[in-house]
Amino acid sequence: MAGVSQIVQIDLRPPVRQPKPGWLKAKAPVGENFHQLKKLARALDLHTVCESAQCPNIGECWNHGTATFMLLGDVCTRRCGFCAVPKGRPGPIDGREPRRVAEAVQRLALRHAVVTSVNRDDDNLGGARVFAETIREIRRLSPSCRVEVLIPDFQGREDALRTVLEAAPDVLNHNTETVPRLYRVVRPGARYGRSLRLLEAARKFCPTMVTKSGLMVGLGETTAELVEVFRDLGSRGVDVLTIGQYLRPSRDHLPIARFYTPEEFQFLREAALGCGFRHVESGPLVRSSYHAHEHVPAASTLLEVAESG
């Protein structure tokens, strides 16, 4: 029986219903930019992760001139227990998608575009090429717009990672999502070590580029486990970290173990800064792209100060 604790990752019994704390209430999405982007996404047949992942900050980010576009369709080849994006067999990769994303960025005069994707384990290198072409198309049509990519792990393929990096995004983001003990249930198709190697390789190939990762809390992890992940990421030169509360998209997804308080998020922020990050966003409603337009200047300024010192 000694190994049981290593097998049971998360208690999947129906959870005791917890009322959502007041600090988790987000404002309803309104504003001219919000409605423009929604209409344009439909017209250009684009998917935004802001909508697919049911992000609570959709109105705030879109009205700040930041949006997150989801490449490679809206069906994911993996079955992560936390994610609201549909799972199944995706359609063929659309080679015209990069141009449509770039047109949306141009027409909305975005200052910071985040480009992510579903996992396409059926064609990792093909997916990487679409990322790279999207970066180049945005640069061509909107030279002043910063481009951040939130990439999957490409199943560890270095050629896929290099393909994206050669297009020179301003930020390379890859989310760690949770602590190693919970990967089997939370991210069954992923590997913690693989994610660390990807972020380490990105720093090695592009030493001056801003790198970034993100974590959810409330899935049953401990504070000690979170701090250990902070150390792992910090030791690999990751510049920016985001920490936010996991919110269950539906009854078919993993239950919430508990809600963290704003004070606990502040503690986690300070603990992460102590592990070497240049910028940390930590709060109940924080997601990967939350305040993304502020991350590049913050991390770059601190990097310049560190190098000059």
C-alpha atoms as a PDB file:
ATOM      1  CA  MET A   1       0.000   0.000   0.000  1.00  0.00           C
ATOM      2  CA  ALA A   2       3.014   2.310   0.222  1.00  0.00           C
ATOM      3  CA  GLY A   3       2.678   3.369  -3.405  1.00  0.00           C
ATOM      4  CA  VAL A   4      -0.999   4.341  -3.280  1.00  0.00           C
ATOM      5  CA  SER A   5      -0.266   8.023  -2.621  1.00  0.00           C
ATOM      6  CA  GLN A   6       1.774   8.132  -5.822  1.00  0.00           C
ATOM      7  CA  ILE A   7      -1.123   6.761  -7.886  1.00  0.00           C
ATOM      8  CA  VAL A   8      -4.061   8.803  -6.601  1.00  0.00           C
ATOM      9  CA  GLN A   9      -3.549  12.207  -8.168  1.00  0.00           C
ATOM     10  CA  ILE A  10      -6.805  14.055  -7.467  1.00  0.00           C
ATOM     11  CA  ASP A  11      -9.933  13.126  -5.543  1.00  0.00           C
ATOM     12  CA  LEU A  12     -12.547  12.870  -8.309  1.00  0.00           C
ATOM     13  CA  ARG A  13     -15.568  12.311  -6.087  1.00  0.00           C
ATOM     14  CA  PRO A  14     -18.302  14.940  -6.449  1.00  0.00           C
ATOM     15  CA  PRO A  15     -16.975  17.930  -4.494  1.00  0.00           C
ATOM     16  CA  VAL A  16     -18.818  19.724  -1.758  1.00  0.00           C
ATOM     17  CA  ARG A  17     -20.397  22.695  -3.487  1.00  0.00           C
ATOM     18  CA  GLN A  18     -18.492  25.854  -2.604  1.00  0.00           C
ATOM     19  CA  PRO A  19     -19.909  29.317  -3.180  1.00  0.00           C
ATOM     20  CA  LYS A  20     -17.713  31.414  -5.458  1.00  0.00           C
ATOM     21  CA  PRO A  21     -15.919  34.123  -3.416  1.00  0.00           C
ATOM     22  CA  GLY A  22     -16.656  37.749  -4.165  1.00  0.00           C
ATOM     23  CA  TRP A  23     -13.130  38.393  -5.441  1.00  0.00           C
ATOM     24  CA  LEU A  24     -13.750  36.019  -8.379  1.00  0.00           C
ATOM     25  CA  LYS A  25     -16.438  38.163  -9.947  1.00  0.00           C
ATOM     26  CA  ALA A  26     -15.375  39.693 -13.250  1.00  0.00           C
ATOM     27  CA  LYS A  27     -17.066  42.574 -15.053  1.00  0.00           C
ATOM     28  CA  ALA A  28     -19.343  41.685 -17.957  1.00  0.00           C
ATOM     29  CA  PRO A  29     -17.545  42.223 -21.279  1.00  0.00           C
ATOM     30  CA  VAL A  30     -18.536  45.524 -22.846  1.00  0.00           C
ATOM     31  CA  GLY A  31     -16.891  48.250 -24.893  1.00  0.00           C
ATOM     32  CA  GLU A  32     -16.346  49.152 -28.543  1.00  0.00           C
ATOM     33  CA  ASN A  33     -13.155  47.078 -28.973  1.00  0.00           C
ATOM     34  CA  PHE A  34     -14.824  44.014 -27.488  1.00  0.00           C
ATOM     35  CA  HIS A  35     -17.738  44.104 -29.914  1.00  0.00           C
ATOM     36  CA  GLN A  36     -15.502  44.952 -32.885  1.00  0.00           C
ATOM     37  CA  LEU A  37     -13.166  42.036 -32.233  1.00  0.00           C
ATOM     38  CA  LYS A  38     -16.013  39.587 -31.729  1.00  0.00           C
ATOM     39  CA  LYS A  39     -17.623  40.638 -35.019  1.00  0.00           C
ATOM     40  CA  LEU A  40     -14.308  40.556 -36.885  1.00  0.00           C
ATOM     41  CA  ALA A  41     -13.370  37.106 -35.556  1.00  0.00           C
ATOM     42  CA  ARG A  42     -16.643  35.763 -36.946  1.00  0.00           C
ATOM     43  CA  ALA A  43     -16.171  37.464 -40.304  1.00  0.00           C
ATOM     44  CA  LEU A  44     -12.623  36.090 -40.738  1.00  0.00           C
ATOM     45  CA  ASP A  45     -13.452  32.623 -39.372  1.00  0.00           C
ATOM     46  CA  LEU A  46     -10.999  32.989 -36.480  1.00  0.00           C
ATOM     47  CA  HIS A  47     -11.022  31.425 -33.045  1.00  0.00           C
ATOM     48  CA  THR A  48     -10.002  33.271 -29.885  1.00  0.00           C
ATOM     49  CA  VAL A  49      -8.917  31.374 -26.800  1.00  0.00           C
ATOM     50  CA  CYS A  50     -10.527  34.182 -24.823  1.00  0.00           C
ATOM     51  CA  GLU A  51     -13.911  32.752 -25.862  1.00  0.00           C
ATOM     52  CA  SER A  52     -13.053  29.048 -26.212  1.00  0.00           C
ATOM     53  CA  ALA A  53     -11.458  28.892 -22.742  1.00  0.00           C
ATOM     54  CA  GLN A  54     -14.200  31.055 -21.174  1.00  0.00           C
ATOM     55  CA  CYS A  55     -11.665  33.588 -19.874  1.00  0.00           C
ATOM     56  CA  PRO A  56     -13.113  35.928 -17.201  1.00  0.00           C
ATOM     57  CA  ASN A  57     -10.955  38.846 -18.402  1.00  0.00           C
ATOM     58  CA  ILE A  58     -12.138  38.883 -21.998  1.00  0.00           C
ATOM     59  CA  GLY A  59     -13.703  42.345 -21.832  1.00  0.00           C
ATOM     60  CA  GLU A  60     -10.778  44.007 -20.028  1.00  0.00           C
ATOM     61  CA  CYS A  61      -8.089  42.564 -22.328  1.00  0.00           C
ATOM     62  CA  TRP A  62      -9.935  43.237 -25.575  1.00  0.00           C
ATOM     63  CA  ASN A  63     -10.589  46.826 -24.569  1.00  0.00           C
ATOM     64  CA  HIS A  64      -6.860  47.269 -23.770  1.00  0.00           C
ATOM     65  CA  GLY A  65      -5.976  46.368 -27.344  1.00  0.00           C
ATOM     66  CA  THR A  66      -4.812  42.842 -26.463  1.00  0.00           C
ATOM     67  CA  ALA A  67      -6.335  39.675 -27.881  1.00  0.00           C
ATOM     68  CA  THR A  68      -5.402  36.005 -27.944  1.00  0.00           C
ATOM     69  CA  PHE A  69      -5.971  34.191 -31.229  1.00  0.00           C
ATOM     70  CA  MET A  70      -6.137  30.402 -31.335  1.00  0.00           C
ATOM     71  CA  LEU A  71      -4.516  28.770 -34.344  1.00  0.00           C
ATOM     72  CA  LEU A  72      -4.947  25.330 -35.888  1.00  0.00           C
ATOM     73  CA  GLY A  73      -8.698  25.054 -35.429  1.00  0.00           C
ATOM     74  CA  ASP A  74     -10.785  24.741 -32.296  1.00  0.00           C
ATOM     75  CA  VAL A  75     -10.463  20.990 -31.634  1.00  0.00           C
ATOM     76  CA  CYS A  76      -7.582  19.733 -29.467  1.00  0.00           C
ATOM     77  CA  THR A  77      -5.924  16.319 -29.769  1.00  0.00           C
ATOM     78  CA  ARG A  78      -5.363  16.112 -25.989  1.00  0.00           C
ATOM     79  CA  ARG A  79      -7.849  15.650 -23.159  1.00  0.00           C
ATOM     80  CA  CYS A  80      -6.618  17.881 -20.340  1.00  0.00           C
ATOM     81  CA  GLY A  81      -8.978  17.734 -17.378  1.00  0.00           C
ATOM     82  CA  PHE A  82      -9.119  21.507 -16.839  1.00  0.00           C
ATOM     83  CA  CYS A  83      -9.589  22.861 -20.348  1.00  0.00           C
ATOM     84  CA  ALA A  84     -12.838  24.015 -21.950  1.00  0.00           C
ATOM     85  CA  VAL A  85     -11.537  23.721 -25.538  1.00  0.00           C
ATOM     86  CA  PRO A  86     -13.314  20.871 -27.413  1.00  0.00           C
ATOM     87  CA  LYS A  87     -11.391  17.595 -27.785  1.00  0.00           C
ATOM     88  CA  GLY A  88     -11.367  15.153 -30.665  1.00  0.00           C
ATOM     89  CA  ARG A  89     -10.005  14.623 -34.158  1.00  0.00           C
ATOM     90  CA  PRO A  90      -9.110  17.994 -35.716  1.00  0.00           C
ATOM     91  CA  GLY A  91      -9.543  18.933 -39.333  1.00  0.00           C
ATOM     92  CA  PRO A  92      -6.671  19.680 -41.728  1.00  0.00           C
ATOM     93  CA  ILE A  93      -4.308  22.560 -40.924  1.00  0.00           C
ATOM     94  CA  ASP A  94      -5.407  25.764 -42.660  1.00  0.00           C
ATOM     95  CA  GLY A  95      -2.454  27.464 -44.358  1.00  0.00           C
ATOM     96  CA  ARG A  96      -4.460  30.676 -44.884  1.00  0.00           C
ATOM     97  CA  GLU A  97      -5.076  31.183 -41.181  1.00  0.00           C
ATOM     98  CA  PRO A  98      -1.902  33.255 -40.525  1.00  0.00           C
ATOM     99  CA  ARG A  99      -2.982  35.893 -43.027  1.00  0.00           C
ATOM    100  CA  ARG A 100      -6.475  36.135 -41.511  1.00  0.00           C
ATOM    101  CA  VAL A 101      -5.053  36.577 -38.003  1.00  0.00           C
ATOM    102  CA  ALA A 102      -2.699  39.291 -39.252  1.00  0.00           C
ATOM    103  CA  GLU A 103      -5.591  41.078 -40.976  1.00  0.00           C
ATOM    104  CA  ALA A 104      -7.560  41.057 -37.720  1.00  0.00           C
ATOM    105  CA  VAL A 105      -4.581  42.460 -35.812  1.00  0.00           C
ATOM    106  CA  GLN A 106      -4.174  45.215 -38.415  1.00  0.00           C
ATOM    107  CA  ARG A 107      -7.855  46.159 -38.607  1.00  0.00           C
ATOM    108  CA  LEU A 108      -8.155  46.346 -34.823  1.00  0.00           C
ATOM    109  CA  ALA A 109      -4.856  48.247 -34.467  1.00  0.00           C
ATOM    110  CA  LEU A 110      -3.792  45.879 -31.678  1.00  0.00           C
ATOM    111  CA  ARG A 111      -0.740  46.821 -29.644  1.00  0.00           C
ATOM    112  CA  HIS A 112      -0.059  43.316 -28.361  1.00  0.00           C
ATOM    113  CA  ALA A 113      -1.255  40.145 -30.058  1.00  0.00           C
ATOM    114  CA  VAL A 114      -1.064  36.781 -28.340  1.00  0.00           C
ATOM    115  CA  VAL A 115      -1.115  33.739 -30.595  1.00  0.00           C
ATOM    116  CA  THR A 116      -1.746  30.287 -29.171  1.00  0.00           C
ATOM    117  CA  SER A 117      -3.131  27.026 -30.500  1.00  0.00           C
ATOM    118  CA  VAL A 118      -4.782  23.774 -29.676  1.00  0.00           C
ATOM    119  CA  ASN A 119      -2.424  20.790 -29.441  1.00  0.00           C
ATOM    120  CA  ARG A 120      -1.909  19.230 -32.863  1.00  0.00           C
ATOM    121  CA  ASP A 121      -0.050  16.046 -32.000  1.00  0.00           C
ATOM    122  CA  ASP A 122      -1.064  14.779 -35.438  1.00  0.00           C
ATOM    123  CA  ASP A 123       1.359  17.287 -37.043  1.00  0.00           C
ATOM    124  CA  ASN A 124       3.600  19.133 -34.582  1.00  0.00           C
ATOM    125  CA  LEU A 125       5.986  20.528 -37.199  1.00  0.00           C
ATOM    126  CA  GLY A 126       3.113  21.681 -39.393  1.00  0.00           C
ATOM    127  CA  GLY A 127       1.619  23.474 -36.397  1.00  0.00           C
ATOM    128  CA  ALA A 128       4.941  25.165 -35.650  1.00  0.00           C
ATOM    129  CA  ARG A 129       5.153  26.415 -39.230  1.00  0.00           C
ATOM    130  CA  VAL A 130       1.721  28.027 -38.896  1.00  0.00           C
ATOM    131  CA  PHE A 131       2.896  29.798 -35.720  1.00  0.00           C
ATOM    132  CA  ALA A 132       5.981  31.077 -37.541  1.00  0.00           C
ATOM    133  CA  GLU A 133       4.029  32.257 -40.570  1.00  0.00           C
ATOM    134  CA  THR A 134       1.509  34.034 -38.325  1.00  0.00           C
ATOM    135  CA  ILE A 135       4.317  35.935 -36.596  1.00  0.00           C
ATOM    136  CA  ARG A 136       5.763  36.994 -39.946  1.00  0.00           C
ATOM    137  CA  GLU A 137       2.379  38.060 -41.329  1.00  0.00           C
ATOM    138  CA  ILE A 138       1.606  40.170 -38.250  1.00  0.00           C
ATOM    139  CA  ARG A 139       5.045  41.802 -38.508  1.00  0.00           C
ATOM    140  CA  ARG A 140       4.418  42.570 -42.185  1.00  0.00           C
ATOM    141  CA  LEU A 141       0.997  44.163 -41.697  1.00  0.00           C
ATOM    142  CA  SER A 142       1.472  45.641 -38.187  1.00  0.00           C
ATOM    143  CA  PRO A 143       5.183  46.295 -37.589  1.00  0.00           C
ATOM    144  CA  SER A 144       4.599  48.100 -34.270  1.00  0.00           C
ATOM    145  CA  CYS A 145       2.488  45.322 -32.733  1.00  0.00           C
ATOM    146  CA  ARG A 146       4.279  43.076 -30.238  1.00  0.00           C
ATOM    147  CA  VAL A 147       3.734  39.369 -30.807  1.00  0.00           C
ATOM    148  CA  GLU A 148       3.565  36.815 -28.012  1.00  0.00           C
ATOM    149  CA  VAL A 149       3.227  33.108 -28.724  1.00  0.00           C
ATOM    150  CA  LEU A 150       1.777  30.659 -26.206  1.00  0.00           C
ATOM    151  CA  ILE A 151       2.944  27.360 -27.618  1.00  0.00           C
ATOM    152  CA  PRO A 152       2.242  23.692 -26.860  1.00  0.00           C
ATOM    153  CA  ASP A 153       5.151  21.359 -26.090  1.00  0.00           C
ATOM    154  CA  PHE A 154       5.251  19.948 -29.656  1.00  0.00           C
ATOM    155  CA  GLN A 155       5.870  16.574 -27.978  1.00  0.00           C
ATOM    156  CA  GLY A 156       9.449  17.669 -27.377  1.00  0.00           C
ATOM    157  CA  ARG A 157      10.381  18.215 -31.037  1.00  0.00           C
ATOM    158  CA  GLU A 158      13.298  20.643 -31.124  1.00  0.00           C
ATOM    159  CA  ASP A 159      12.864  21.334 -34.835  1.00  0.00           C
ATOM    160  CA  ALA A 160       9.327  22.578 -34.152  1.00  0.00           C
ATOM    161  CA  LEU A 161      10.523  24.892 -31.372  1.00  0.00           C
ATOM    162  CA  ARG A 162      13.325  26.258 -33.566  1.00  0.00           C
ATOM    163  CA  THR A 163      10.834  26.903 -36.367  1.00  0.00           C
ATOM    164  CA  VAL A 164       8.815  29.180 -34.067  1.00  0.00           C
ATOM    165  CA  LEU A 165      11.851  30.908 -32.578  1.00  0.00           C
ATOM    166  CA  GLU A 166      13.347  31.684 -35.984  1.00  0.00           C
ATOM    167  CA  ALA A 167      10.319  33.915 -36.644  1.00  0.00           C
ATOM    168  CA  ALA A 168      11.449  36.019 -33.628  1.00  0.00           C
ATOM    169  CA  PRO A 169       8.373  36.487 -31.414  1.00  0.00           C
ATOM    170  CA  ASP A 170       8.683  39.125 -28.688  1.00  0.00           C
ATOM    171  CA  VAL A 171       7.580  36.632 -26.013  1.00  0.00           C
ATOM    172  CA  LEU A 172       7.756  32.825 -25.918  1.00  0.00           C
ATOM    173  CA  ASN A 173       5.187  31.478 -23.461  1.00  0.00           C
ATOM    174  CA  HIS A 174       4.640  27.847 -22.514  1.00  0.00           C
ATOM    175  CA  ASN A 175       2.445  27.058 -19.543  1.00  0.00           C
ATOM    176  CA  THR A 176       3.530  24.540 -16.925  1.00  0.00           C
ATOM    177  CA  GLU A 177      -0.086  24.621 -15.636  1.00  0.00           C
ATOM    178  CA  THR A 178       0.334  22.562 -12.431  1.00  0.00           C
ATOM    179  CA  VAL A 179       2.749  20.692 -10.180  1.00  0.00           C
ATOM    180  CA  PRO A 180       4.413  17.432 -11.321  1.00  0.00           C
ATOM    181  CA  ARG A 181       2.361  15.200  -8.983  1.00  0.00           C
ATOM    182  CA  LEU A 182      -0.897  16.219 -10.667  1.00  0.00           C
ATOM    183  CA  TYR A 183       0.182  15.962 -14.306  1.00  0.00           C
ATOM    184  CA  ARG A 184      -1.284  12.510 -14.884  1.00  0.00           C
ATOM    185  CA  VAL A 185      -4.842  13.759 -14.362  1.00  0.00           C
ATOM    186  CA  VAL A 186      -4.553  17.478 -15.132  1.00  0.00           C
ATOM    187  CA  ARG A 187      -2.350  17.176 -18.252  1.00  0.00           C
ATOM    188  CA  PRO A 188      -2.404  13.493 -19.280  1.00  0.00           C
ATOM    189  CA  GLY A 189      -0.719  14.091 -22.649  1.00  0.00           C
ATOM    190  CA  ALA A 190       2.041  16.312 -21.242  1.00  0.00           C
ATOM    191  CA  ARG A 191       5.236  15.740 -19.263  1.00  0.00           C
ATOM    192  CA  TYR A 192       6.581  18.155 -16.661  1.00  0.00           C
ATOM    193  CA  GLY A 193      10.207  17.523 -17.625  1.00  0.00           C
ATOM    194  CA  ARG A 194       9.386  18.090 -21.293  1.00  0.00           C
ATOM    195  CA  SER A 195       7.912  21.508 -20.517  1.00  0.00           C
ATOM    196  CA  LEU A 196      10.978  22.488 -18.508  1.00  0.00           C
ATOM    197  CA  ARG A 197      13.281  21.392 -21.332  1.00  0.00           C
ATOM    198  CA  LEU A 198      11.307  23.461 -23.839  1.00  0.00           C
ATOM    199  CA  LEU A 199      11.622  26.627 -21.760  1.00  0.00           C
ATOM    200  CA  GLU A 200      15.307  25.952 -21.117  1.00  0.00           C
ATOM    201  CA  ALA A 201      15.931  25.404 -24.829  1.00  0.00           C
ATOM    202  CA  ALA A 202      14.116  28.640 -25.727  1.00  0.00           C
ATOM    203  CA  ARG A 203      16.404  30.575 -23.388  1.00  0.00           C
ATOM    204  CA  LYS A 204      19.453  28.809 -24.865  1.00  0.00           C
ATOM    205  CA  PHE A 205      18.496  29.475 -28.504  1.00  0.00           C
ATOM    206  CA  CYS A 206      17.315  33.092 -27.933  1.00  0.00           C
ATOM    207  CA  PRO A 207      19.050  34.515 -24.825  1.00  0.00           C
ATOM    208  CA  THR A 208      17.515  38.010 -25.132  1.00  0.00           C
ATOM    209  CA  MET A 209      13.911  36.993 -25.803  1.00  0.00           C
ATOM    210  CA  VAL A 210      11.357  37.227 -22.982  1.00  0.00           C
ATOM    211  CA  THR A 211      10.209  33.778 -21.816  1.00  0.00           C
ATOM    212  CA  LYS A 212       7.107  33.132 -19.799  1.00  0.00           C
ATOM    213  CA  SER A 213       5.100  30.397 -18.096  1.00  0.00           C
ATOM    214  CA  GLY A 214       1.874  30.065 -16.114  1.00  0.00           C
ATOM    215  CA  LEU A 215       0.288  28.006 -13.349  1.00  0.00           C
ATOM    216  CA  MET A 216      -3.236  27.331 -12.097  1.00  0.00           C
ATOM    217  CA  VAL A 217      -3.902  26.809  -8.387  1.00  0.00           C
ATOM    218  CA  GLY A 218      -6.802  25.125  -6.643  1.00  0.00           C
ATOM    219  CA  LEU A 219      -6.408  21.615  -8.059  1.00  0.00           C
ATOM    220  CA  GLY A 220      -5.039  19.985  -4.903  1.00  0.00           C
ATOM    221  CA  GLU A 221      -1.415  21.127  -4.983  1.00  0.00           C
ATOM    222  CA  THR A 222       0.493  22.254  -1.884  1.00  0.00           C
ATOM    223  CA  THR A 223       2.338  25.536  -1.387  1.00  0.00           C
ATOM    224  CA  ALA A 224       5.627  23.648  -1.105  1.00  0.00           C
ATOM    225  CA  GLU A 225       4.975  21.997  -4.479  1.00  0.00           C
ATOM    226  CA  LEU A 226       4.225  25.363  -6.090  1.00  0.00           C
ATOM    227  CA  VAL A 227       7.393  26.922  -4.729  1.00  0.00           C
ATOM    228  CA  GLU A 228       9.393  23.987  -6.090  1.00  0.00           C
ATOM    229  CA  VAL A 229       7.934  24.661  -9.551  1.00  0.00           C
ATOM    230  CA  PHE A 230       8.841  28.352  -9.154  1.00  0.00           C
ATOM    231  CA  ARG A 231      12.426  27.307  -8.447  1.00  0.00           C
ATOM    232  CA  ASP A 232      12.503  24.946 -11.431  1.00  0.00           C
ATOM    233  CA  LEU A 233      11.281  27.683 -13.786  1.00  0.00           C
ATOM    234  CA  GLY A 234      13.438  30.405 -12.267  1.00  0.00           C
ATOM    235  CA  SER A 235      16.576  28.291 -12.554  1.00  0.00           C
ATOM    236  CA  ARG A 236      15.870  27.907 -16.279  1.00  0.00           C
ATOM    237  CA  GLY A 237      15.807  31.652 -16.844  1.00  0.00           C
ATOM    238  CA  VAL A 238      12.057  32.138 -17.288  1.00  0.00           C
ATOM    239  CA  ASP A 239      11.345  35.888 -17.071  1.00  0.00           C
ATOM    240  CA  VAL A 240       7.585  36.142 -16.480  1.00  0.00           C
ATOM    241  CA  LEU A 241       5.213  33.986 -14.430  1.00  0.00           C
ATOM    242  CA  THR A 242       1.414  34.101 -14.212  1.00  0.00           C
ATOM    243  CA  ILE A 243      -0.497  32.463 -11.341  1.00  0.00           C
ATOM    244  CA  GLY A 244      -4.287  32.251 -11.311  1.00  0.00           C
ATOM    245  CA  GLN A 245      -7.210  30.404  -9.770  1.00  0.00           C
ATOM    246  CA  TYR A 246      -8.495  27.307 -11.586  1.00  0.00           C
ATOM    247  CA  LEU A 247     -12.191  27.699 -12.391  1.00  0.00           C
ATOM    248  CA  ARG A 248     -14.123  24.600 -13.411  1.00  0.00           C
ATOM    249  CA  PRO A 249     -15.585  25.089 -16.920  1.00  0.00           C
ATOM    250  CA  SER A 250     -18.293  22.440 -16.420  1.00  0.00           C
ATOM    251  CA  ARG A 251     -19.243  19.381 -14.373  1.00  0.00           C
ATOM    252  CA  ASP A 252     -17.303  17.279 -16.875  1.00  0.00           C
ATOM    253  CA  HIS A 253     -14.031  18.923 -15.830  1.00  0.00           C
ATOM    254  CA  LEU A 254     -11.838  18.500 -12.761  1.00  0.00           C
ATOM    255  CA  PRO A 255     -13.344  19.777  -9.504  1.00  0.00           C
ATOM    256  CA  ILE A 256     -11.948  22.749  -7.631  1.00  0.00           C
ATOM    257  CA  ALA A 257     -10.103  21.613  -4.510  1.00  0.00           C
ATOM    258  CA  ARG A 258     -10.256  25.079  -2.969  1.00  0.00           C
ATOM    259  CA  PHE A 259     -10.294  28.809  -3.669  1.00  0.00           C
ATOM    260  CA  TYR A 260      -7.138  30.775  -2.862  1.00  0.00           C
ATOM    261  CA  THR A 261      -7.547  34.164  -1.177  1.00  0.00           C
ATOM    262  CA  PRO A 262      -6.037  37.409  -2.537  1.00  0.00           C
ATOM    263  CA  GLU A 263      -3.601  37.306   0.399  1.00  0.00           C
ATOM    264  CA  GLU A 264      -2.421  33.852  -0.639  1.00  0.00           C
ATOM    265  CA  PHE A 265      -1.887  35.058  -4.194  1.00  0.00           C
ATOM    266  CA  GLN A 266       0.221  37.902  -2.846  1.00  0.00           C
ATOM    267  CA  PHE A 267       2.300  35.399  -0.864  1.00  0.00           C
ATOM    268  CA  LEU A 268       2.805  33.287  -4.009  1.00  0.00           C
ATOM    269  CA  ARG A 269       3.850  36.388  -5.963  1.00  0.00           C
ATOM    270  CA  GLU A 270       6.509  37.265  -3.409  1.00  0.00           C
ATOM    271  CA  ALA A 271       7.716  33.670  -3.278  1.00  0.00           C
ATOM    272  CA  ALA A 272       8.014  33.580  -7.069  1.00  0.00           C
ATOM    273  CA  LEU A 273       9.902  36.883  -7.221  1.00  0.00           C
ATOM    274  CA  GLY A 274      12.358  35.354  -4.768  1.00  0.00           C
ATOM    275  CA  CYS A 275      13.042  32.616  -7.340  1.00  0.00           C
ATOM    276  CA  GLY A 276      14.372  35.041  -9.937  1.00  0.00           C
ATOM    277  CA  PHE A 277      11.419  36.051 -12.134  1.00  0.00           C
ATOM    278  CA  ARG A 278      11.506  39.578 -13.536  1.00  0.00           C
ATOM    279  CA  HIS A 279       7.727  39.992 -13.487  1.00  0.00           C
ATOM    280  CA  VAL A 280       4.954  38.031 -11.750  1.00  0.00           C
ATOM    281  CA  GLU A 281       1.174  38.368 -12.194  1.00  0.00           C
ATOM    282  CA  SER A 282      -0.595  36.575  -9.343  1.00  0.00           C
ATOM    283  CA  GLY A 283      -4.287  36.860  -8.564  1.00  0.00           C
ATOM    284  CA  PRO A 284      -7.632  35.038  -8.645  1.00  0.00           C
ATOM    285  CA  LEU A 285      -8.547  36.072 -12.199  1.00  0.00           C
ATOM    286  CA  VAL A 286      -5.043  36.051 -13.695  1.00  0.00           C
ATOM    287  CA  ARG A 287      -4.660  34.043 -16.898  1.00  0.00           C
ATOM    288  CA  SER A 288      -1.729  33.589 -19.296  1.00  0.00           C
ATOM    289  CA  SER A 289      -2.521  36.697 -21.309  1.00  0.00           C
ATOM    290  CA  TYR A 290      -3.713  38.897 -18.438  1.00  0.00           C
ATOM    291  CA  HIS A 291      -1.931  42.273 -18.683  1.00  0.00           C
ATOM    292  CA  ALA A 292       0.244  40.684 -21.379  1.00  0.00           C
ATOM    293  CA  HIS A 293       0.871  44.092 -22.939  1.00  0.00           C
ATOM    294  CA  GLU A 294       2.736  45.092 -19.741  1.00  0.00           C
ATOM    295  CA  HIS A 295       4.963  42.012 -19.455  1.00  0.00           C
ATOM    296  CA  VAL A 296       7.441  42.783 -22.239  1.00  0.00           C
ATOM    297  CA  PRO A 297       8.310  46.318 -21.052  1.00  0.00           C
ATOM    298  CA  ALA A 298       8.524  45.187 -17.409  1.00  0.00           C
ATOM    299  CA  ALA A 299      10.742  42.174 -18.091  1.00  0.00           C
ATOM    300  CA  SER A 300      12.877  43.980 -20.689  1.00  0.00           C
ATOM    301  CA  THR A 301      13.540  46.958 -18.407  1.00  0.00           C
ATOM    302  CA  LEU A 302      14.637  44.706 -15.575  1.00  0.00           C
ATOM    303  CA  LEU A 303      16.784  42.687 -17.959  1.00  0.00           C
ATOM    304  CA  GLU A 304      18.558  45.855 -19.140  1.00  0.00           C
ATOM    305  CA  VAL A 305      19.145  46.942 -15.548  1.00  0.00           C
ATOM    306  CA  ALA A 306      20.550  43.515 -14.652  1.00  0.00           C
ATOM    307  CA  GLU A 307      22.884  43.472 -17.672  1.00  0.00           C
ATOM    308  CA  SER A 308      24.143  47.022 -17.091  1.00  0.00           C
ATOM    309  CA  GLY A 309      24.849  46.207 -13.429  1.00  0.00           C
END
